[in-house]
Amino acid sequence: MSDHVERIDRKLLHAGTIIDMYTDTMRLPNGDIETWDFIKHRTGAAAILPILPDGKLLLVRQYRPALDRFALEVPAGARDSISEPSIDCAYRELEEETGYKCEHLTPLLKLRTTVAFCDESIDIFLAEHLTKGERHLDPAESIELCAYTLEEALSMIFDGTIQDSKTLSAILAYQTRLSSRAK
């Protein structure tokens, strides 16, 4: 069987501010024709796992309409443009959402959030040696800062409190990094 998949057609259903929604008509390797949904993220994003001087992880709590509830997440935001380096976005979002700055961000991992239907890419950075700055929230943002030990954050992943993919990926990658340093 061939691995060749061919897009026969793509129709724009909705052009949004950060995403565009399409319907793709695809020819599968066996010759069948299928219709797939596709969401294009216009710019990609950056996320940051800030580590406070006491070793606690700084998360943000904010309302998410897709879940119809508040969620605990690492600070994050969309890049201003496709050409903006992710690290520049990460420095900006760290200060905007938390009021903290750092001199050096360490790349932690790259994440594709939902590969079945979306091309969103998030570069996740580790922020240590933080200094207090000033928050600059966007007008529509209402964000509460929350600090947790690594053990508390891991417990919240496994009890289902933290479900956001970028957040649990960042926390688990950080735990792995710490374990590697200890060896």
Protein backbone atom coordinates (compact mmCIF):
# COMPACT_ATOMS: atom_id res chain seq x y z
CA MET A 1 0.00 0.00 0.00
CA SER A 2 1.24 3.48 -0.85
CA ASP A 3 1.86 6.14 1.81
CA HIS A 4 0.80 8.89 -0.55
CA VAL A 5 -2.02 11.11 0.67
CA GLU A 6 -3.19 13.84 -1.69
CA ARG A 7 -5.13 17.00 -0.88
CA ILE A 8 -7.66 17.44 -3.67
CA ASP A 9 -9.31 20.59 -2.34
CA ARG A 10 -9.22 22.98 0.62
CA LYS A 11 -12.11 25.31 1.45
CA LEU A 12 -11.85 28.16 3.95
CA LEU A 13 -14.84 27.99 6.30
CA HIS A 14 -13.90 30.74 8.72
CA ALA A 15 -11.07 33.29 8.99
CA GLY A 16 -10.49 34.14 12.65
CA THR A 17 -8.07 36.40 14.47
CA ILE A 18 -5.56 33.66 15.34
CA ILE A 19 -6.92 30.60 13.54
CA ASP A 20 -8.48 29.77 10.18
CA MET A 21 -10.81 26.78 9.76
CA TYR A 22 -10.81 24.70 6.59
CA THR A 23 -12.38 21.59 5.12
CA ASP A 24 -9.90 19.47 3.20
CA THR A 25 -10.90 16.86 0.64
CA MET A 26 -8.25 14.15 0.70
CA ARG A 27 -7.43 11.10 -1.43
CA LEU A 28 -6.13 8.35 0.86
CA PRO A 29 -3.50 5.76 -0.08
CA ASN A 30 -6.23 3.18 -0.83
CA GLY A 31 -7.94 5.63 -3.23
CA ASP A 32 -10.85 6.53 -0.92
CA ILE A 33 -11.90 10.18 -0.76
CA GLU A 34 -12.43 11.64 2.71
CA THR A 35 -13.26 15.06 4.13
CA TRP A 36 -11.11 16.28 7.01
CA ASP A 37 -11.30 19.35 9.22
CA PHE A 38 -8.16 21.46 9.46
CA ILE A 39 -7.35 24.41 11.73
CA LYS A 40 -4.44 26.63 10.74
CA HIS A 41 -2.84 28.58 13.57
CA ARG A 42 -1.63 31.79 11.99
CA THR A 43 1.54 32.47 13.97
CA GLY A 44 2.41 29.74 16.45
CA ALA A 45 3.03 30.49 20.10
CA ALA A 46 5.50 30.43 22.95
CA ALA A 47 5.04 29.26 26.52
CA ILE A 48 7.18 29.62 29.60
CA LEU A 49 7.60 27.57 32.76
CA PRO A 50 8.76 30.16 35.32
CA ILE A 51 10.61 28.87 38.38
CA LEU A 52 10.42 31.25 41.35
CA PRO A 53 13.47 31.84 43.59
CA ASP A 54 11.98 29.43 46.18
CA GLY A 55 11.81 26.68 43.51
CA LYS A 56 8.04 26.83 43.04
CA LEU A 57 6.49 26.73 39.57
CA LEU A 58 4.54 29.85 38.66
CA LEU A 59 1.32 29.06 36.81
CA VAL A 60 -1.53 31.25 35.66
CA ARG A 61 -5.20 30.61 36.32
CA GLN A 62 -7.58 31.97 33.73
CA TYR A 63 -11.02 31.30 32.28
CA ARG A 64 -11.06 29.24 29.09
CA PRO A 65 -14.30 29.35 27.07
CA ALA A 66 -13.52 26.06 25.28
CA LEU A 67 -13.63 24.32 28.67
CA ASP A 68 -16.25 26.63 30.22
CA ARG A 69 -14.11 26.82 33.35
CA PHE A 70 -10.87 28.16 34.76
CA ALA A 71 -7.64 26.34 33.90
CA LEU A 72 -4.13 26.26 35.38
CA GLU A 73 -1.53 26.84 32.69
CA VAL A 74 2.01 27.97 32.06
CA PRO A 75 2.11 31.58 30.79
CA ALA A 76 1.84 31.62 27.01
CA GLY A 77 0.80 33.63 24.03
CA ALA A 78 0.73 33.82 20.27
CA ARG A 79 3.64 35.30 18.40
CA ASP A 80 2.95 38.78 17.01
CA SER A 81 3.81 37.52 13.51
CA ILE A 82 5.02 34.37 11.81
CA SER A 83 8.50 35.94 11.63
CA GLU A 84 8.74 36.85 15.33
CA PRO A 85 11.23 34.53 17.04
CA SER A 86 9.50 32.36 19.64
CA ILE A 87 12.01 33.37 22.28
CA ASP A 88 11.12 37.06 21.83
CA CYS A 89 7.46 36.16 22.28
CA ALA A 90 8.34 34.14 25.40
CA TYR A 91 10.21 37.04 27.03
CA ARG A 92 7.25 39.34 26.30
CA GLU A 93 4.57 36.93 27.53
CA LEU A 94 6.52 36.14 30.71
CA GLU A 95 6.51 39.78 31.73
CA GLU A 96 3.01 40.58 30.41
CA GLU A 97 1.29 37.74 32.25
CA THR A 98 3.41 37.34 35.40
CA GLY A 99 5.28 40.59 35.93
CA TYR A 100 8.58 38.67 36.03
CA LYS A 101 11.62 38.99 33.79
CA CYS A 102 14.68 36.84 33.34
CA GLU A 103 17.96 37.36 31.54
CA HIS A 104 18.05 33.93 29.89
CA LEU A 105 15.34 31.54 28.74
CA THR A 106 16.29 27.90 28.21
CA PRO A 107 14.51 25.98 25.45
CA LEU A 108 12.62 23.11 27.07
CA LEU A 109 10.67 21.48 24.21
CA LYS A 110 8.65 22.03 21.06
CA LEU A 111 5.04 20.91 21.06
CA ARG A 112 2.38 20.30 18.42
CA THR A 113 -0.82 20.59 20.41
CA THR A 114 -3.40 18.58 18.44
CA VAL A 115 -1.92 16.96 15.34
CA ALA A 116 -5.17 15.30 14.27
CA PHE A 117 -6.69 18.56 13.04
CA CYS A 118 -4.50 21.57 13.91
CA ASP A 119 -0.99 22.73 12.98
CA GLU A 120 -0.42 24.86 16.12
CA SER A 121 3.18 24.79 17.28
CA ILE A 122 4.32 25.99 20.71
CA ASP A 123 7.93 26.46 21.74
CA ILE A 124 8.25 26.04 25.50
CA PHE A 125 11.00 27.70 27.51
CA LEU A 126 12.25 27.41 31.07
CA ALA A 127 12.63 30.70 32.99
CA GLU A 128 14.87 30.64 36.05
CA HIS A 129 16.58 33.42 38.05
CA LEU A 130 13.52 35.64 37.83
CA THR A 131 13.40 39.29 38.80
CA LYS A 132 10.20 41.15 39.59
CA GLY A 133 8.99 43.51 36.89
CA GLU A 134 5.54 44.79 36.04
CA ARG A 135 2.55 42.96 34.57
CA HIS A 136 1.06 44.23 31.31
CA LEU A 137 -2.11 42.22 30.84
CA ASP A 138 -4.10 42.56 27.63
CA PRO A 139 -7.49 44.23 28.20
CA ALA A 140 -9.36 40.91 27.86
CA GLU A 141 -7.07 39.02 30.24
CA SER A 142 -7.94 38.31 33.85
CA ILE A 143 -5.11 36.17 35.18
CA GLU A 144 -4.43 34.96 38.71
CA LEU A 145 -0.87 33.93 39.57
CA CYS A 146 -0.48 30.62 41.42
CA ALA A 147 2.73 29.02 42.75
CA TYR A 148 3.16 25.30 43.36
CA THR A 149 5.94 22.93 44.25
CA LEU A 150 6.88 20.45 41.55
CA GLU A 151 5.29 17.68 43.61
CA GLU A 152 2.02 19.63 43.89
CA ALA A 153 2.00 20.31 40.14
CA LEU A 154 2.66 16.65 39.34
CA SER A 155 -0.16 15.62 41.66
CA MET A 156 -2.50 18.05 39.86
CA ILE A 157 -1.54 16.51 36.51
CA PHE A 158 -2.37 13.01 37.68
CA ASP A 159 -5.59 13.94 39.50
CA GLY A 160 -6.86 15.76 36.39
CA THR A 161 -6.69 19.32 37.74
CA ILE A 162 -4.09 20.28 35.11
CA GLN A 163 -5.18 19.07 31.67
CA ASP A 164 -3.65 21.66 29.34
CA SER A 165 -1.19 19.90 27.03
CA LYS A 166 1.47 22.62 26.98
CA THR A 167 1.39 22.88 30.76
CA LEU A 168 1.62 19.20 31.58
CA SER A 169 4.30 18.75 28.89
CA ALA A 170 6.34 21.62 30.36
CA ILE A 171 6.05 20.29 33.92
CA LEU A 172 6.93 16.72 32.95
CA ALA A 173 9.87 17.91 30.81
CA TYR A 174 11.11 20.02 33.73
CA GLN A 175 10.85 17.01 36.06
CA THR A 176 12.88 14.97 33.56
CA ARG A 177 15.48 17.73 33.31
CA LEU A 178 15.84 17.83 37.10
CA SER A 179 16.15 14.04 37.24
CA SER A 180 18.88 14.12 34.58
CA ARG A 181 20.80 16.82 36.49
CA ALA A 182 20.67 14.71 39.65
CA LYS A 183 22.39 11.75 37.98
